[in-house]
Amino acid sequence: MAETRSDLTPFLAKLDASRTASLALAGATTDRKNEALLAIAETLRSHVSEITKANQADLDAGAASGIGEALLDRLTLTDARIEALAAAVLQIIGLADPVGENVRGSTLPNGVRISQVRVPFGVVGAIYEARPNVTVDIAALALKSGNAVVLRGGSAAENTNKVLVGLIQEAVASTGLPAESVQTIDDFGREGARALMRARGYIDVLIPRGSAQLIQTVVTESTVPVIETGAGVVHIVLDESAPVQWAVDIVHNAKTQRPSVCNAVETLLVHAGAAERVLPAVLSKLSESGVTIHADERAAALFAPTVPACEEDWATEYLGLDIAVRVVDSLDEAIRHIRRYSTRHTEAIVTSDLVNAERFLNEVDSATVMVNASTRFSDGGEFGFGAEVGISTQKLHARGPMGLPELTSTKWIVRGIGQVRV
């Protein structure tokens, strides 16, 4: 690690403790890890008032500093959201433990047996902002996959994360696993975040979640290997054959069900052959829900009120009640638009044409590609992972929603009885 100044001694001590904890976790049985997860779920449920009180302090500070509605929504932990977090932890208990899974293997002609098995990374680092749910999600997934985790949750959620990490540590320790299996470095502020990015040898992999700026900073400045989770400039294409009711329901759900998250739709592309038939109903439903429509000239001619769309709109992740709308002349033009402006997160098409559906699935190069479904399904919980570490938009190691297997690497096991190579 490049930074070794004396003021980072406590920081390095935390990372050393995480490394030691990772050794205990790597050898922990599935039953022991599940016991820790059960303790976490129970302590979340029994400390709701303590969590929401800390969260309210963060919300008040966030509102006073003007962080915006999207971040305030992500920052909020209600009783229902805490219960959902606890339920997700319980769901992870029921998932298969990836550690020790035999990926592939063979026996050589001389009898040497070779197998590739899944193993934990060791110590996982996470840098994120205004997302206290991530504290629980990543901690639970890391524990089940045998990893220690070091969290930098940012100043916006500092009070909430402090309480959550404390509760998680108590729960983990009560089952005989090290409390240091889950640690926060929020006390070290931005300097701690920078040091974490340079903690090669202490941190095995670093996962950023947050704004495009935060993710880009981690990707470009980190000397630790990074799994990039990307911003969501998400598209829905309404094909020429799109059924009107499907289009209305899917677009409305993808935009308004929770607009502040990365799998909410941001750009709507409508085939010219369907625009007059489909677009007024789709945009009317959005407008009724308070969505501001940034329309190109052809879309604006079919519905009012709208605001004129500009070049910047096509590349914007609004994270709120705004949507960009463009009429295109063909599926080819829609795919070209996606290739130019997409962040490779999630794209969907609404169509009754099987050929166009398969073309879209094959030719659109994003982590998740959908036919006739809301983009809000692009989520680890919805995919059955219990929770997610994030949604990877890169192609190496992991892509799309990341669950337990994505928090493991592999190693080769070779067993012989005295064989030598000739």
Protein backbone atom coordinates (compact mmCIF):
# COMPACT_ATOMS: atom_id res chain seq x y z
CA MET A 1 0.00 0.00 0.00
CA ALA A 2 1.41 3.37 -1.05
CA GLU A 3 0.17 5.40 1.96
CA THR A 4 1.92 4.51 5.22
CA ARG A 5 1.77 7.77 7.20
CA SER A 6 1.41 7.45 10.96
CA ASP A 7 -2.10 8.96 10.93
CA LEU A 8 -3.25 5.95 8.92
CA THR A 9 -2.04 3.47 11.53
CA PRO A 10 -5.57 2.92 12.95
CA PHE A 11 -6.85 2.52 9.38
CA LEU A 12 -4.27 -0.13 8.59
CA ALA A 13 -5.04 -1.86 11.88
CA LYS A 14 -8.66 -2.18 10.76
CA LEU A 15 -7.59 -3.69 7.46
CA ASP A 16 -5.30 -6.13 9.26
CA ALA A 17 -8.23 -7.16 11.44
CA SER A 18 -10.34 -7.68 8.33
CA ARG A 19 -7.67 -9.89 6.81
CA THR A 20 -7.51 -11.98 9.99
CA ALA A 21 -11.32 -12.23 10.06
CA SER A 22 -11.35 -13.37 6.43
CA LEU A 23 -9.27 -16.41 7.37
CA ALA A 24 -11.86 -17.45 9.95
CA LEU A 25 -14.69 -16.88 7.49
CA ALA A 26 -13.00 -18.90 4.75
CA GLY A 27 -13.07 -21.94 7.02
CA ALA A 28 -16.51 -21.34 8.50
CA THR A 29 -19.20 -23.92 7.85
CA THR A 30 -22.37 -23.03 5.98
CA ASP A 31 -24.36 -23.61 9.18
CA ARG A 32 -22.19 -21.17 11.13
CA LYS A 33 -22.51 -18.50 8.42
CA ASN A 34 -26.27 -19.01 8.26
CA GLU A 35 -26.42 -18.69 12.04
CA ALA A 36 -24.75 -15.28 11.74
CA LEU A 37 -27.20 -14.20 9.04
CA LEU A 38 -30.16 -15.25 11.18
CA ALA A 39 -28.74 -13.19 14.05
CA ILE A 40 -28.42 -10.18 11.73
CA ALA A 41 -32.03 -10.47 10.54
CA GLU A 42 -33.28 -10.77 14.12
CA THR A 43 -31.27 -7.79 15.36
CA LEU A 44 -32.52 -5.62 12.49
CA ARG A 45 -36.10 -6.46 13.44
CA SER A 46 -35.52 -5.81 17.13
CA HIS A 47 -33.78 -2.44 16.67
CA VAL A 48 -36.05 -0.72 14.15
CA SER A 49 -36.57 2.39 16.28
CA GLU A 50 -32.84 2.81 16.84
CA ILE A 51 -32.16 2.50 13.11
CA THR A 52 -34.91 4.89 12.03
CA LYS A 53 -33.87 7.45 14.65
CA ALA A 54 -30.32 7.49 13.25
CA ASN A 55 -31.70 7.55 9.74
CA GLN A 56 -33.89 10.56 10.50
CA ALA A 57 -30.81 12.47 11.62
CA ASP A 58 -29.20 11.71 8.24
CA LEU A 59 -32.38 12.67 6.38
CA ASP A 60 -32.60 15.99 8.22
CA ALA A 61 -28.97 16.75 7.44
CA GLY A 62 -29.43 15.70 3.81
CA ALA A 63 -32.49 17.88 3.35
CA ALA A 64 -30.69 20.84 4.92
CA SER A 65 -27.73 20.42 2.59
CA GLY A 66 -29.96 20.02 -0.47
CA ILE A 67 -28.81 16.58 -1.66
CA GLY A 68 -31.94 16.18 -3.79
CA GLU A 69 -35.02 13.98 -3.81
CA ALA A 70 -33.37 10.99 -5.52
CA LEU A 71 -30.63 10.67 -2.91
CA LEU A 72 -33.07 11.34 -0.07
CA ASP A 73 -35.22 8.46 -1.30
CA ARG A 74 -32.21 6.13 -1.45
CA LEU A 75 -31.14 7.31 1.98
CA THR A 76 -34.51 6.62 3.61
CA LEU A 77 -35.03 3.54 5.80
CA THR A 78 -38.66 3.12 6.83
CA ASP A 79 -40.00 0.33 9.02
CA ALA A 80 -41.09 -1.46 5.84
CA ARG A 81 -37.69 -1.10 4.20
CA ILE A 82 -35.93 -2.42 7.30
CA GLU A 83 -38.27 -5.41 7.30
CA ALA A 84 -37.47 -5.95 3.62
CA LEU A 85 -33.76 -5.90 4.45
CA ALA A 86 -34.26 -8.48 7.18
CA ALA A 87 -36.33 -10.63 4.83
CA ALA A 88 -33.58 -10.43 2.20
CA VAL A 89 -31.01 -11.62 4.75
CA LEU A 90 -33.25 -14.58 5.58
CA GLN A 91 -33.58 -15.36 1.87
CA ILE A 92 -29.79 -15.48 1.57
CA ILE A 93 -29.76 -18.17 4.29
CA GLY A 94 -31.78 -20.38 1.95
CA LEU A 95 -29.41 -19.95 -0.98
CA ALA A 96 -26.71 -22.45 -1.82
CA ASP A 97 -23.29 -21.68 -0.35
CA PRO A 98 -20.96 -21.18 -3.33
CA VAL A 99 -17.78 -21.85 -1.35
CA GLY A 100 -16.33 -25.22 -2.24
CA GLU A 101 -18.53 -25.69 -5.30
CA ASN A 102 -16.82 -27.85 -7.92
CA VAL A 103 -16.81 -25.79 -11.12
CA ARG A 104 -15.10 -28.37 -13.32
CA GLY A 105 -12.50 -31.10 -13.10
CA SER A 106 -10.87 -34.09 -14.69
CA THR A 107 -8.59 -37.04 -14.03
CA LEU A 108 -5.36 -37.25 -16.02
CA PRO A 109 -4.32 -40.56 -17.63
CA ASN A 110 -1.75 -41.01 -14.85
CA GLY A 111 -4.44 -40.76 -12.17
CA VAL A 112 -3.84 -37.19 -10.99
CA ARG A 113 -7.20 -35.64 -10.12
CA ILE A 114 -7.75 -31.95 -10.91
CA SER A 115 -10.69 -29.82 -9.80
CA GLN A 116 -11.55 -26.13 -9.89
CA VAL A 117 -13.48 -24.98 -6.82
CA ARG A 118 -15.03 -21.71 -5.69
CA VAL A 119 -13.27 -19.83 -2.89
CA PRO A 120 -13.93 -16.44 -1.23
CA PHE A 121 -12.10 -13.37 -2.46
CA GLY A 122 -10.92 -12.69 1.09
CA VAL A 123 -11.57 -9.05 1.93
CA VAL A 124 -14.11 -7.10 -0.14
CA GLY A 125 -14.14 -3.30 -0.04
CA ALA A 126 -17.21 -1.24 -0.92
CA ILE A 127 -17.49 2.50 -1.50
CA TYR A 128 -21.01 3.87 -1.81
CA GLU A 129 -23.10 6.92 -0.97
CA ALA A 130 -26.50 7.56 0.64
CA ARG A 131 -27.44 3.88 0.44
CA PRO A 132 -27.72 2.36 3.93
CA ASN A 133 -29.48 -0.69 2.46
CA VAL A 134 -26.16 -1.51 0.76
CA THR A 135 -24.57 -1.83 4.21
CA VAL A 136 -26.84 -4.75 5.03
CA ASP A 137 -26.95 -6.29 1.55
CA ILE A 138 -23.20 -6.41 1.02
CA ALA A 139 -22.48 -7.51 4.60
CA ALA A 140 -24.91 -10.42 4.30
CA LEU A 141 -23.70 -11.54 0.87
CA ALA A 142 -20.06 -11.21 1.91
CA LEU A 143 -20.57 -13.31 5.03
CA LYS A 144 -22.42 -16.08 3.20
CA SER A 145 -19.69 -16.22 0.55
CA GLY A 146 -16.96 -16.34 3.22
CA ASN A 147 -15.60 -12.81 2.79
CA ALA A 148 -14.78 -10.08 5.27
CA VAL A 149 -16.01 -6.67 4.14
CA VAL A 150 -14.76 -3.11 4.68
CA LEU A 151 -17.43 -0.45 4.07
CA ARG A 152 -17.15 3.23 3.20
CA GLY A 153 -20.75 4.41 3.21
CA GLY A 154 -20.23 8.16 2.90
CA SER A 155 -21.15 11.13 5.06
CA ALA A 156 -24.79 11.31 3.95
CA ALA A 157 -25.65 8.05 5.73
CA GLU A 158 -22.99 8.19 8.44
CA ASN A 159 -25.36 7.98 11.42
CA THR A 160 -27.43 5.17 9.91
CA ASN A 161 -24.42 3.15 8.83
CA LYS A 162 -22.76 3.50 12.23
CA VAL A 163 -25.80 1.97 13.92
CA LEU A 164 -26.20 -0.75 11.26
CA VAL A 165 -22.56 -1.83 11.36
CA GLY A 166 -22.60 -1.89 15.15
CA LEU A 167 -25.69 -4.10 15.18
CA ILE A 168 -24.26 -6.40 12.51
CA GLN A 169 -20.99 -6.77 14.40
CA GLU A 170 -22.81 -7.67 17.61
CA ALA A 171 -24.92 -10.23 15.75
CA VAL A 172 -21.93 -11.81 14.02
CA ALA A 173 -19.88 -11.98 17.22
CA SER A 174 -22.78 -13.64 19.07
CA THR A 175 -22.38 -16.67 16.78
CA GLY A 176 -18.65 -17.05 17.34
CA LEU A 177 -17.46 -15.41 14.14
CA PRO A 178 -15.19 -12.33 14.33
CA ALA A 179 -16.95 -9.00 14.77
CA GLU A 180 -14.29 -7.59 12.41
CA SER A 181 -15.88 -9.60 9.59
CA VAL A 182 -17.82 -6.39 8.88
CA GLN A 183 -16.13 -3.03 9.41
CA THR A 184 -16.68 0.59 8.44
CA ILE A 185 -14.02 3.19 7.69
CA ASP A 186 -16.44 6.13 7.67
CA ASP A 187 -14.55 7.63 10.63
CA PHE A 188 -11.59 8.28 8.30
CA GLY A 189 -13.65 10.40 5.88
CA ARG A 190 -12.52 11.02 2.33
CA GLU A 191 -8.92 10.27 3.20
CA GLY A 192 -10.06 6.82 4.25
CA ALA A 193 -11.83 6.32 0.93
CA ARG A 194 -8.67 7.30 -0.95
CA ALA A 195 -6.57 5.00 1.22
CA LEU A 196 -9.01 2.15 0.62
CA MET A 197 -8.57 2.58 -3.13
CA ARG A 198 -4.82 2.13 -2.65
CA ALA A 199 -5.00 -0.72 -0.15
CA ARG A 200 -3.68 -3.35 -2.51
CA GLY A 201 -2.56 -6.33 -0.47
CA TYR A 202 -5.19 -5.61 2.17
CA ILE A 203 -8.32 -5.42 -0.02
CA ASP A 204 -8.80 -8.12 -2.67
CA VAL A 205 -11.54 -6.42 -4.69
CA LEU A 206 -13.27 -3.04 -4.49
CA ILE A 207 -16.88 -2.41 -5.51
CA PRO A 208 -18.18 1.16 -5.97
CA ARG A 209 -21.89 1.97 -5.95
CA GLY A 210 -23.23 5.44 -6.48
CA SER A 211 -23.11 8.31 -8.91
CA ALA A 212 -21.31 8.09 -12.22
CA GLN A 213 -18.70 10.48 -10.81
CA LEU A 214 -18.03 8.31 -7.74
CA ILE A 215 -17.76 5.15 -9.82
CA GLN A 216 -15.43 6.79 -12.34
CA THR A 217 -13.22 8.11 -9.53
CA VAL A 218 -12.85 4.64 -8.04
CA VAL A 219 -12.22 3.00 -11.41
CA THR A 220 -9.53 5.50 -12.44
CA GLU A 221 -7.78 6.02 -9.09
CA SER A 222 -7.89 2.59 -7.47
CA THR A 223 -4.87 0.29 -7.44
CA VAL A 224 -7.10 -2.43 -6.00
CA PRO A 225 -8.97 -4.52 -8.62
CA VAL A 226 -12.42 -2.97 -9.18
CA ILE A 227 -15.72 -4.47 -10.25
CA GLU A 228 -17.44 -1.55 -11.92
CA THR A 229 -21.11 -0.98 -11.25
CA GLY A 230 -22.43 1.52 -13.73
CA ALA A 231 -24.94 4.32 -13.94
CA GLY A 232 -28.23 3.40 -15.55
CA VAL A 233 -29.12 5.26 -18.73
CA VAL A 234 -31.80 2.64 -19.33
CA HIS A 235 -33.86 2.38 -22.54
CA ILE A 236 -37.22 0.92 -23.49
CA VAL A 237 -38.04 0.49 -27.18
CA LEU A 238 -41.68 0.40 -28.30
CA ASP A 239 -41.56 -1.65 -31.47
CA GLU A 240 -43.99 -1.19 -34.37
CA SER A 241 -46.04 -4.15 -33.08
CA ALA A 242 -46.04 -3.13 -29.40
CA PRO A 243 -49.44 -3.79 -27.72
CA VAL A 244 -50.76 -0.52 -26.31
CA GLN A 245 -51.62 -1.80 -22.84
CA TRP A 246 -48.29 -3.59 -22.45
CA ALA A 247 -46.50 -0.41 -23.49
CA VAL A 248 -48.48 1.74 -21.03
CA ASP A 249 -48.02 -0.62 -18.10
CA ILE A 250 -44.36 -1.47 -18.66
CA VAL A 251 -43.15 2.08 -19.28
CA HIS A 252 -45.15 3.50 -16.38
CA ASN A 253 -43.84 0.87 -13.97
CA ALA A 254 -40.25 1.22 -15.19
CA LYS A 255 -40.35 5.01 -14.70
CA THR A 256 -42.52 5.61 -11.65
CA GLN A 257 -42.40 2.51 -9.40
CA ARG A 258 -39.15 3.81 -7.89
CA PRO A 259 -37.59 6.49 -10.10
CA SER A 260 -34.47 7.06 -7.98
CA VAL A 261 -32.84 3.69 -8.74
CA CYS A 262 -30.48 2.65 -11.51
CA ASN A 263 -32.88 0.24 -13.27
CA ALA A 264 -35.59 2.88 -13.82
CA VAL A 265 -36.09 3.75 -17.47
CA GLU A 266 -34.63 7.08 -18.60
CA THR A 267 -35.13 7.06 -22.39
CA LEU A 268 -38.12 5.85 -24.41
CA LEU A 269 -37.60 5.08 -28.12
CA VAL A 270 -40.78 4.64 -30.19
CA HIS A 271 -41.00 3.19 -33.68
CA ALA A 272 -42.56 5.71 -36.06
CA GLY A 273 -45.04 3.06 -37.21
CA ALA A 274 -46.41 2.76 -33.67
CA ALA A 275 -46.00 6.34 -32.44
CA GLU A 276 -49.46 7.67 -33.28
CA ARG A 277 -51.14 4.50 -31.99
CA VAL A 278 -49.16 3.97 -28.79
CA LEU A 279 -47.42 7.14 -27.68
CA PRO A 280 -50.38 9.31 -26.55
CA ALA A 281 -51.59 6.64 -24.11
CA VAL A 282 -48.09 5.95 -22.77
CA LEU A 283 -47.22 9.61 -22.24
CA SER A 284 -50.64 10.47 -20.82
CA LYS A 285 -50.19 7.84 -18.10
CA LEU A 286 -46.71 9.15 -17.31
CA SER A 287 -47.89 12.75 -17.23
CA GLU A 288 -50.70 11.86 -14.82
CA SER A 289 -48.01 10.56 -12.46
CA GLY A 290 -46.06 13.80 -12.59
CA VAL A 291 -43.39 12.75 -15.09
CA THR A 292 -41.80 15.57 -17.12
CA ILE A 293 -41.47 14.47 -20.72
CA HIS A 294 -38.41 15.62 -22.69
CA ALA A 295 -39.62 15.01 -26.24
CA ASP A 296 -38.11 15.30 -29.69
CA GLU A 297 -40.15 17.14 -32.32
CA ARG A 298 -42.06 14.11 -33.58
CA ALA A 299 -43.00 12.95 -30.08
CA ALA A 300 -44.01 16.48 -29.07
CA ALA A 301 -46.35 16.65 -32.08
CA LEU A 302 -48.34 13.71 -30.66
CA PHE A 303 -48.63 14.79 -27.04
CA ALA A 304 -48.59 17.90 -24.86
CA PRO A 305 -47.28 19.23 -22.57
CA THR A 306 -43.63 18.35 -23.10
CA VAL A 307 -40.30 20.13 -22.93
CA PRO A 308 -37.93 20.04 -25.91
CA ALA A 309 -35.34 17.27 -25.71
CA CYS A 310 -31.73 18.23 -26.30
CA GLU A 311 -28.58 16.19 -26.91
CA GLU A 312 -27.80 16.08 -23.19
CA ASP A 313 -31.11 14.35 -22.43
CA TRP A 314 -30.15 11.20 -24.33
CA ALA A 315 -27.17 10.65 -22.02
CA THR A 316 -28.84 11.66 -18.75
CA GLU A 317 -29.62 9.39 -15.82
CA TYR A 318 -32.42 11.49 -14.32
CA LEU A 319 -33.05 9.37 -11.20
CA GLY A 320 -36.34 11.20 -10.88
CA LEU A 321 -39.65 11.87 -12.60
CA ASP A 322 -38.23 12.83 -16.00
CA ILE A 323 -38.01 10.80 -19.21
CA ALA A 324 -36.52 11.47 -22.65
CA VAL A 325 -38.67 10.40 -25.62
CA ARG A 326 -37.59 9.99 -29.24
CA VAL A 327 -39.40 8.66 -32.32
CA VAL A 328 -37.20 6.45 -34.53
CA ASP A 329 -37.83 5.11 -38.01
CA SER A 330 -36.70 1.54 -37.47
CA LEU A 331 -35.45 -1.00 -34.96
CA ASP A 332 -32.01 -0.49 -36.50
CA GLU A 333 -32.14 3.19 -35.55
CA ALA A 334 -33.27 2.34 -32.02
CA ILE A 335 -30.36 -0.08 -31.57
CA ARG A 336 -27.91 2.50 -32.93
CA HIS A 337 -29.23 5.05 -30.43
CA ILE A 338 -28.75 2.57 -27.58
CA ARG A 339 -25.21 1.76 -28.70
CA ARG A 340 -24.35 5.44 -28.67
CA TYR A 341 -25.91 6.55 -25.39
CA SER A 342 -26.39 3.46 -23.22
CA THR A 343 -24.35 2.80 -20.08
CA ARG A 344 -24.77 -0.95 -20.82
CA HIS A 345 -26.98 -1.50 -17.79
CA THR A 346 -30.47 -2.62 -18.84
CA GLU A 347 -32.53 -2.28 -22.03
CA ALA A 348 -35.99 -3.58 -22.94
CA ILE A 349 -38.23 -3.88 -25.97
CA VAL A 350 -42.01 -4.12 -26.09
CA THR A 351 -43.03 -6.08 -29.16
CA SER A 352 -45.28 -8.79 -30.59
CA ASP A 353 -42.73 -9.62 -33.29
CA LEU A 354 -40.68 -12.69 -32.36
CA VAL A 355 -37.99 -11.92 -34.95
CA ASN A 356 -37.51 -8.37 -33.64
CA ALA A 357 -37.48 -9.65 -30.07
CA GLU A 358 -34.66 -12.07 -30.84
CA ARG A 359 -32.77 -9.41 -32.82
CA PHE A 360 -32.97 -7.08 -29.87
CA LEU A 361 -31.75 -9.75 -27.43
CA ASN A 362 -28.85 -10.69 -29.70
CA GLU A 363 -27.71 -7.26 -30.89
CA VAL A 364 -28.06 -5.07 -27.78
CA ASP A 365 -24.87 -5.31 -25.72
CA SER A 366 -25.98 -4.55 -22.16
CA ALA A 367 -25.74 -6.47 -18.90
CA THR A 368 -29.47 -7.22 -18.92
CA VAL A 369 -31.68 -7.25 -22.01
CA MET A 370 -35.44 -7.79 -21.75
CA VAL A 371 -38.48 -8.47 -23.88
CA ASN A 372 -41.94 -7.37 -22.73
CA ALA A 373 -41.02 -6.74 -19.10
CA SER A 374 -40.28 -3.75 -16.90
CA THR A 375 -36.63 -2.81 -16.47
CA ARG A 376 -37.29 -2.71 -12.72
CA PHE A 377 -36.80 -6.51 -12.76
CA SER A 378 -33.07 -5.97 -13.32
CA ASP A 379 -32.27 -6.52 -9.67
CA GLY A 380 -30.53 -9.15 -7.57
CA GLY A 381 -33.52 -9.56 -5.26
CA GLU A 382 -35.88 -10.05 -8.19
CA PHE A 383 -33.45 -12.50 -9.79
CA GLY A 384 -33.58 -14.65 -6.65
CA PHE A 385 -30.20 -13.65 -5.18
CA GLY A 386 -31.73 -12.43 -1.90
CA ALA A 387 -29.90 -9.13 -2.38
CA GLU A 388 -27.22 -7.78 -4.67
CA VAL A 389 -23.75 -6.39 -4.32
CA GLY A 390 -24.46 -4.15 -7.28
CA ILE A 391 -25.12 -4.38 -11.01
CA SER A 392 -21.90 -4.79 -12.92
CA THR A 393 -21.77 -3.14 -16.33
CA GLN A 394 -18.32 -4.47 -17.19
CA LYS A 395 -17.57 -7.80 -18.85
CA LEU A 396 -14.73 -9.24 -16.80
CA HIS A 397 -15.48 -11.53 -13.84
CA ALA A 398 -19.10 -10.48 -13.35
CA ARG A 399 -21.85 -8.82 -15.37
CA GLY A 400 -25.33 -7.77 -14.34
CA PRO A 401 -26.81 -8.21 -10.85
CA MET A 402 -24.17 -9.70 -8.56
CA GLY A 403 -25.02 -12.25 -5.88
CA LEU A 404 -23.13 -14.92 -3.97
CA PRO A 405 -21.16 -16.62 -6.79
CA GLU A 406 -19.92 -13.24 -8.00
CA LEU A 407 -18.21 -12.72 -4.61
CA THR A 408 -16.03 -15.76 -5.15
CA SER A 409 -12.97 -16.59 -7.18
CA THR A 410 -11.67 -20.08 -7.91
CA LYS A 411 -8.60 -22.11 -7.20
CA TRP A 412 -7.32 -25.38 -8.62
CA ILE A 413 -7.04 -28.44 -6.40
CA VAL A 414 -4.68 -31.21 -7.55
CA ARG A 415 -4.59 -34.61 -5.82
CA GLY A 416 -2.02 -37.27 -6.58
CA ILE A 417 -0.42 -40.38 -5.12
CA GLY A 418 3.20 -39.74 -5.98
CA GLN A 419 2.95 -39.03 -9.73
CA VAL A 420 5.71 -37.03 -11.46
CA ARG A 421 5.63 -35.34 -14.85
CA VAL A 422 7.53 -37.08 -17.63
